[in-house]
Amino acid sequence: MKPVWNGKEFVPRLMMPLSLSYDHRVIDGASAARFTTYLAQVIADLRRGML
């Protein structure tokens, strides 16, 4: 549980740590960051992952 700001107040929210390891010689860091963001969005909304 971590506090998250919703625009008016802090509310408790379950958070899952997510990290990604990659070799900079093979994968560009910007691509890896986009993938991590996309993966977090899919995990947050499982209906999106089913499409």
N, C-alpha and C. Protein backbone atom coordinates (compact mmCIF):
# COMPACT_ATOMS: atom_id res chain seq x y z
N MET A 1 0.85 -1.17 0.00
CA MET A 1 0.00 0.00 0.00
C MET A 1 0.90 1.24 0.00
N LYS A 2 0.59 2.17 -0.90
CA LYS A 2 1.31 3.45 -0.96
C LYS A 2 0.29 4.56 -1.16
N PRO A 3 0.60 5.74 -0.65
CA PRO A 3 -0.31 6.87 -0.89
C PRO A 3 -0.17 7.38 -2.32
N VAL A 4 -1.31 7.64 -2.97
CA VAL A 4 -1.34 8.15 -4.34
C VAL A 4 -2.22 9.39 -4.35
N TRP A 5 -1.75 10.46 -4.98
CA TRP A 5 -2.49 11.72 -5.07
C TRP A 5 -3.53 11.60 -6.18
N ASN A 6 -4.80 11.83 -5.86
CA ASN A 6 -5.87 11.73 -6.86
C ASN A 6 -6.36 13.10 -7.35
N GLY A 7 -5.68 14.17 -6.98
CA GLY A 7 -6.06 15.51 -7.39
C GLY A 7 -6.61 16.33 -6.25
N LYS A 8 -7.14 15.66 -5.23
CA LYS A 8 -7.70 16.36 -4.07
C LYS A 8 -7.07 15.91 -2.77
N GLU A 9 -6.71 14.61 -2.69
CA GLU A 9 -6.17 14.07 -1.46
C GLU A 9 -5.35 12.81 -1.77
N PHE A 10 -4.60 12.39 -0.78
CA PHE A 10 -3.87 11.14 -0.91
C PHE A 10 -4.79 9.99 -0.51
N VAL A 11 -4.80 8.95 -1.32
CA VAL A 11 -5.59 7.76 -1.01
C VAL A 11 -4.67 6.54 -1.05
N PRO A 12 -4.90 5.55 -0.18
CA PRO A 12 -4.06 4.35 -0.21
C PRO A 12 -4.36 3.52 -1.46
N ARG A 13 -3.32 2.97 -2.03
CA ARG A 13 -3.48 2.17 -3.25
C ARG A 13 -2.46 1.05 -3.25
N LEU A 14 -2.88 -0.11 -3.72
CA LEU A 14 -1.94 -1.23 -3.86
C LEU A 14 -1.01 -0.95 -5.02
N MET A 15 0.28 -1.12 -4.82
CA MET A 15 1.27 -0.88 -5.86
C MET A 15 2.11 -2.13 -6.03
N MET A 16 2.43 -2.46 -7.28
CA MET A 16 3.27 -3.60 -7.57
C MET A 16 4.58 -3.09 -8.19
N PRO A 17 5.70 -3.34 -7.53
CA PRO A 17 6.98 -2.92 -8.13
C PRO A 17 7.23 -3.66 -9.44
N LEU A 18 7.72 -2.94 -10.43
CA LEU A 18 8.00 -3.52 -11.74
C LEU A 18 9.34 -2.98 -12.22
N SER A 19 10.21 -3.89 -12.62
CA SER A 19 11.49 -3.45 -13.15
C SER A 19 11.82 -4.28 -14.39
N LEU A 20 12.73 -3.76 -15.19
CA LEU A 20 13.10 -4.41 -16.44
C LEU A 20 14.61 -4.32 -16.60
N SER A 21 15.23 -5.43 -16.91
CA SER A 21 16.67 -5.46 -17.17
C SER A 21 16.88 -5.71 -18.66
N TYR A 22 17.81 -4.98 -19.24
CA TYR A 22 18.11 -5.16 -20.66
C TYR A 22 19.53 -4.72 -20.92
N ASP A 23 20.06 -5.15 -22.04
CA ASP A 23 21.42 -4.84 -22.44
C ASP A 23 21.38 -3.62 -23.36
N HIS A 24 22.01 -2.53 -22.96
CA HIS A 24 22.01 -1.29 -23.74
C HIS A 24 22.69 -1.45 -25.10
N ARG A 25 23.50 -2.47 -25.24
CA ARG A 25 24.15 -2.69 -26.53
C ARG A 25 23.18 -3.24 -27.57
N VAL A 26 22.06 -3.83 -27.08
CA VAL A 26 21.10 -4.47 -27.99
C VAL A 26 19.80 -3.68 -28.07
N ILE A 27 19.31 -3.17 -26.93
CA ILE A 27 18.01 -2.50 -26.87
C ILE A 27 18.20 -1.04 -26.46
N ASP A 28 17.55 -0.14 -27.19
CA ASP A 28 17.57 1.28 -26.86
C ASP A 28 16.78 1.50 -25.57
N GLY A 29 17.28 2.34 -24.68
CA GLY A 29 16.63 2.62 -23.41
C GLY A 29 15.23 3.21 -23.57
N ALA A 30 15.02 4.04 -24.58
CA ALA A 30 13.71 4.64 -24.81
C ALA A 30 12.68 3.57 -25.18
N SER A 31 13.07 2.61 -25.99
CA SER A 31 12.17 1.51 -26.35
C SER A 31 11.82 0.68 -25.13
N ALA A 32 12.79 0.42 -24.29
CA ALA A 32 12.54 -0.34 -23.07
C ALA A 32 11.60 0.41 -22.13
N ALA A 33 11.74 1.72 -22.02
CA ALA A 33 10.86 2.53 -21.18
C ALA A 33 9.44 2.52 -21.73
N ARG A 34 9.28 2.60 -23.04
CA ARG A 34 7.94 2.54 -23.64
C ARG A 34 7.30 1.18 -23.38
N PHE A 35 8.09 0.12 -23.50
CA PHE A 35 7.56 -1.22 -23.23
C PHE A 35 7.14 -1.36 -21.78
N THR A 36 7.94 -0.86 -20.84
CA THR A 36 7.59 -0.94 -19.43
C THR A 36 6.31 -0.17 -19.14
N THR A 37 6.15 1.00 -19.74
CA THR A 37 4.92 1.78 -19.56
C THR A 37 3.72 1.04 -20.13
N TYR A 38 3.87 0.46 -21.32
CA TYR A 38 2.78 -0.30 -21.94
C TYR A 38 2.42 -1.50 -21.07
N LEU A 39 3.41 -2.22 -20.58
CA LEU A 39 3.16 -3.40 -19.75
C LEU A 39 2.43 -3.02 -18.47
N ALA A 40 2.80 -1.91 -17.86
CA ALA A 40 2.11 -1.44 -16.65
C ALA A 40 0.66 -1.10 -16.96
N GLN A 41 0.38 -0.51 -18.12
CA GLN A 41 -1.00 -0.18 -18.50
C GLN A 41 -1.82 -1.45 -18.73
N VAL A 42 -1.22 -2.46 -19.35
CA VAL A 42 -1.93 -3.72 -19.59
C VAL A 42 -2.24 -4.41 -18.27
N ILE A 43 -1.28 -4.43 -17.36
CA ILE A 43 -1.50 -5.06 -16.06
C ILE A 43 -2.57 -4.31 -15.28
N ALA A 44 -2.58 -2.98 -15.38
CA ALA A 44 -3.56 -2.17 -14.64
C ALA A 44 -4.97 -2.39 -15.18
N ASP A 45 -5.14 -2.65 -16.47
CA ASP A 45 -6.45 -2.87 -17.07
C ASP A 45 -6.41 -4.20 -17.83
N LEU A 46 -6.76 -5.28 -17.15
CA LEU A 46 -6.64 -6.62 -17.75
C LEU A 46 -7.54 -6.80 -18.95
N ARG A 47 -8.63 -6.05 -19.05
CA ARG A 47 -9.50 -6.16 -20.23
C ARG A 47 -8.72 -5.77 -21.48
N ARG A 48 -7.82 -4.80 -21.36
CA ARG A 48 -7.00 -4.38 -22.50
C ARG A 48 -6.06 -5.49 -22.96
N GLY A 49 -5.55 -6.26 -22.01
CA GLY A 49 -4.65 -7.35 -22.33
C GLY A 49 -5.33 -8.50 -23.04
N MET A 50 -6.65 -8.62 -22.89
CA MET A 50 -7.38 -9.70 -23.52
C MET A 50 -7.67 -9.43 -25.00
N LEU A 51 -7.49 -8.20 -25.44
CA LEU A 51 -7.76 -7.86 -26.84
C LEU A 51 -6.70 -8.35 -27.78
